[in-house]
Each structure stands twice: as structure tokens, then as C-alpha cells.
Amino acid sequence: MNLGELKVGQSAIITAVNGQKALRGHLLDMGLTPRTCVKVSAKAPMGDPIELSLRGYRLTLRLEDAANIEIEPQVNISCTGRCSECASNVKHKHS
């Protein structure tokens, strides 16, 4: 599953970041790294771009770029903070 497939309000853990060398580097520089927890905060009226919450900030990303980010959907993500198990900035219950 990729990041662009999440619905508003859903959260996931990034498992891999793909794409051409420059694009991959840009995504990683923006904090979209493996083991980071992200949540889709909003979508534009036509569905593209999407707004993500991660690492204590919000990021807007085009669906074309979001398709390069592989994720594992998560449930029970409850509040912001620091999760030592997955090294993300969101506290949640690990299944």
C-alpha cells in the first residue's frame, strides 16, 4: 500500500521510500523516512494534494509523489508525542 491511498484521518508507518534518486532524496529530506508515523490531515477538494501530519509539522504532498512511499496502515494512533519503539513522533499502541 502507498501513502496516496490513505483516507483523511488514517495513519500509517512508512516502510520504504522509492523513486528516482533526486525525488527519493527530496522525500527523505522532508522527513518521510522509514519507521516514521504519518497521518493524512486533509485532502484538496479534487483529492490532490494531500496534507500530512508527521514529526510535529504538516506537509503538503502531491499524490504522484505520495505513491513512492510504501506504508503499513496503523490503528489505535491516539496522540502526539515520541514513540521510542518505532522512532516516530506519534504515540500509539503497537499491536
C-alpha atoms as a PDB file:
ATOM      1  CA  MET A   1       0.000   0.000   0.000  1.00  0.00           C
ATOM      2  CA  ASN A   2       1.259   3.530  -0.654  1.00  0.00           C
ATOM      3  CA  LEU A   3       0.762   6.820   1.165  1.00  0.00           C
ATOM      4  CA  GLY A   4      -1.527   8.230  -1.524  1.00  0.00           C
ATOM      5  CA  GLU A   5      -4.105   5.503  -0.794  1.00  0.00           C
ATOM      6  CA  LEU A   6      -4.823   6.613   2.797  1.00  0.00           C
ATOM      7  CA  LYS A   7      -8.027   8.464   3.590  1.00  0.00           C
ATOM      8  CA  VAL A   8      -8.279  11.614   5.713  1.00  0.00           C
ATOM      9  CA  GLY A   9      -7.816  10.723   9.378  1.00  0.00           C
ATOM     10  CA  GLN A  10      -5.933   7.472   8.702  1.00  0.00           C
ATOM     11  CA  SER A  11      -2.396   6.910   9.961  1.00  0.00           C
ATOM     12  CA  ALA A  12       0.433   4.665   8.847  1.00  0.00           C
ATOM     13  CA  ILE A  13       4.072   3.807   9.404  1.00  0.00           C
ATOM     14  CA  ILE A  14       6.382   4.416   6.444  1.00  0.00           C
ATOM     15  CA  THR A  15       8.093   1.172   5.437  1.00  0.00           C
ATOM     16  CA  ALA A  16      10.034   2.289   2.324  1.00  0.00           C
ATOM     17  CA  VAL A  17      10.688   5.359   0.203  1.00  0.00           C
ATOM     18  CA  ASN A  18      11.124   4.747  -3.530  1.00  0.00           C
ATOM     19  CA  GLY A  19      11.553   6.927  -6.607  1.00  0.00           C
ATOM     20  CA  GLN A  20      14.309   8.379  -8.748  1.00  0.00           C
ATOM     21  CA  LYS A  21      17.454   9.347  -6.859  1.00  0.00           C
ATOM     22  CA  ALA A  22      16.643  13.084  -6.666  1.00  0.00           C
ATOM     23  CA  LEU A  23      12.977  12.561  -5.740  1.00  0.00           C
ATOM     24  CA  ARG A  24      13.822   9.928  -3.127  1.00  0.00           C
ATOM     25  CA  GLY A  25      16.402  12.233  -1.571  1.00  0.00           C
ATOM     26  CA  HIS A  26      13.906  15.105  -1.504  1.00  0.00           C
ATOM     27  CA  LEU A  27      11.259  12.959   0.207  1.00  0.00           C
ATOM     28  CA  LEU A  28      13.770  11.747   2.797  1.00  0.00           C
ATOM     29  CA  ASP A  29      14.941  15.336   3.410  1.00  0.00           C
ATOM     30  CA  MET A  30      11.326  16.318   4.168  1.00  0.00           C
ATOM     31  CA  GLY A  31      11.241  13.751   6.973  1.00  0.00           C
ATOM     32  CA  LEU A  32       9.421  10.984   5.130  1.00  0.00           C
ATOM     33  CA  THR A  33      11.758   8.273   6.345  1.00  0.00           C
ATOM     34  CA  PRO A  34      11.141   4.599   7.107  1.00  0.00           C
ATOM     35  CA  ARG A  35       9.614   3.922  10.557  1.00  0.00           C
ATOM     36  CA  THR A  36       8.052   7.411  10.686  1.00  0.00           C
ATOM     37  CA  CYS A  37       4.383   7.636  11.578  1.00  0.00           C
ATOM     38  CA  VAL A  38       2.281   9.852   9.287  1.00  0.00           C
ATOM     39  CA  LYS A  39      -1.376  10.851   9.322  1.00  0.00           C
ATOM     40  CA  VAL A  40      -3.428  12.256   6.453  1.00  0.00           C
ATOM     41  CA  SER A  41      -4.834  15.502   7.860  1.00  0.00           C
ATOM     42  CA  ALA A  42      -6.666  16.801   4.790  1.00  0.00           C
ATOM     43  CA  LYS A  43      -7.078  16.499   1.044  1.00  0.00           C
ATOM     44  CA  ALA A  44      -7.643  19.229  -1.508  1.00  0.00           C
ATOM     45  CA  PRO A  45     -11.187  19.410  -2.922  1.00  0.00           C
ATOM     46  CA  MET A  46     -10.167  17.440  -6.028  1.00  0.00           C
ATOM     47  CA  GLY A  47      -8.142  14.964  -3.910  1.00  0.00           C
ATOM     48  CA  ASP A  48      -4.662  16.220  -4.829  1.00  0.00           C
ATOM     49  CA  PRO A  49      -2.501  17.295  -2.991  1.00  0.00           C
ATOM     50  CA  ILE A  50      -2.810  15.739   0.460  1.00  0.00           C
ATOM     51  CA  GLU A  51      -1.788  17.289   3.776  1.00  0.00           C
ATOM     52  CA  LEU A  52       0.187  15.065   6.146  1.00  0.00           C
ATOM     53  CA  SER A  53       0.993  15.402   9.835  1.00  0.00           C
ATOM     54  CA  LEU A  54       4.352  13.986  10.847  1.00  0.00           C
ATOM     55  CA  ARG A  55       7.215  14.780  13.213  1.00  0.00           C
ATOM     56  CA  GLY A  56       5.283  17.699  14.718  1.00  0.00           C
ATOM     57  CA  TYR A  57       4.628  19.561  11.463  1.00  0.00           C
ATOM     58  CA  ARG A  58       2.322  19.494   8.451  1.00  0.00           C
ATOM     59  CA  LEU A  59       3.461  18.718   4.933  1.00  0.00           C
ATOM     60  CA  THR A  60       1.589  19.003   1.643  1.00  0.00           C
ATOM     61  CA  LEU A  61       2.451  16.326  -0.905  1.00  0.00           C
ATOM     62  CA  ARG A  62       1.226  15.541  -4.419  1.00  0.00           C
ATOM     63  CA  LEU A  63      -0.378  12.120  -4.886  1.00  0.00           C
ATOM     64  CA  GLU A  64       2.173  11.347  -7.606  1.00  0.00           C
ATOM     65  CA  ASP A  65       4.971  11.730  -5.051  1.00  0.00           C
ATOM     66  CA  ALA A  66       2.997  10.013  -2.264  1.00  0.00           C
ATOM     67  CA  ALA A  67       2.732   6.918  -4.486  1.00  0.00           C
ATOM     68  CA  ASN A  68       6.502   6.413  -3.997  1.00  0.00           C
ATOM     69  CA  ILE A  69       6.108   5.947  -0.239  1.00  0.00           C
ATOM     70  CA  GLU A  70       5.213   2.454   0.925  1.00  0.00           C
ATOM     71  CA  ILE A  71       3.312   2.227   4.195  1.00  0.00           C
ATOM     72  CA  GLU A  72       1.815  -0.115   6.749  1.00  0.00           C
ATOM     73  CA  PRO A  73      -1.567   1.239   7.885  1.00  0.00           C
ATOM     74  CA  GLN A  74      -1.896   1.623  11.660  1.00  0.00           C
ATOM     75  CA  VAL A  75      -4.800   1.657  14.067  1.00  0.00           C
ATOM     76  CA  ASN A  76      -5.030   2.970  17.609  1.00  0.00           C
ATOM     77  CA  ILE A  77      -2.876   6.030  16.988  1.00  0.00           C
ATOM     78  CA  SER A  78      -4.082   8.353  19.685  1.00  0.00           C
ATOM     79  CA  CYS A  79      -1.936  11.404  20.384  1.00  0.00           C
ATOM     80  CA  THR A  80       1.225  13.256  19.518  1.00  0.00           C
ATOM     81  CA  GLY A  81       4.474  12.613  21.327  1.00  0.00           C
ATOM     82  CA  ARG A  82       7.543  10.478  20.830  1.00  0.00           C
ATOM     83  CA  CYS A  83       7.327   6.717  20.261  1.00  0.00           C
ATOM     84  CA  SER A  84      10.613   5.013  21.109  1.00  0.00           C
ATOM     85  CA  GLU A  85       9.615   1.686  19.558  1.00  0.00           C
ATOM     86  CA  CYS A  86       9.137   2.980  16.036  1.00  0.00           C
ATOM     87  CA  ALA A  87      11.121   6.232  16.402  1.00  0.00           C
ATOM     88  CA  SER A  88       8.217   8.377  15.250  1.00  0.00           C
ATOM     89  CA  ASN A  89       6.681  11.499  16.694  1.00  0.00           C
ATOM     90  CA  VAL A  90       3.301   9.934  17.449  1.00  0.00           C
ATOM     91  CA  LYS A  91       2.397   7.860  20.484  1.00  0.00           C
ATOM     92  CA  HIS A  92       0.313   4.859  19.639  1.00  0.00           C
ATOM     93  CA  LYS A  93      -0.417   1.328  20.683  1.00  0.00           C
ATOM     94  CA  HIS A  94       1.620  -1.303  18.911  1.00  0.00           C
ATOM     95  CA  SER A  95      -0.328  -4.424  18.001  1.00  0.00           C
END
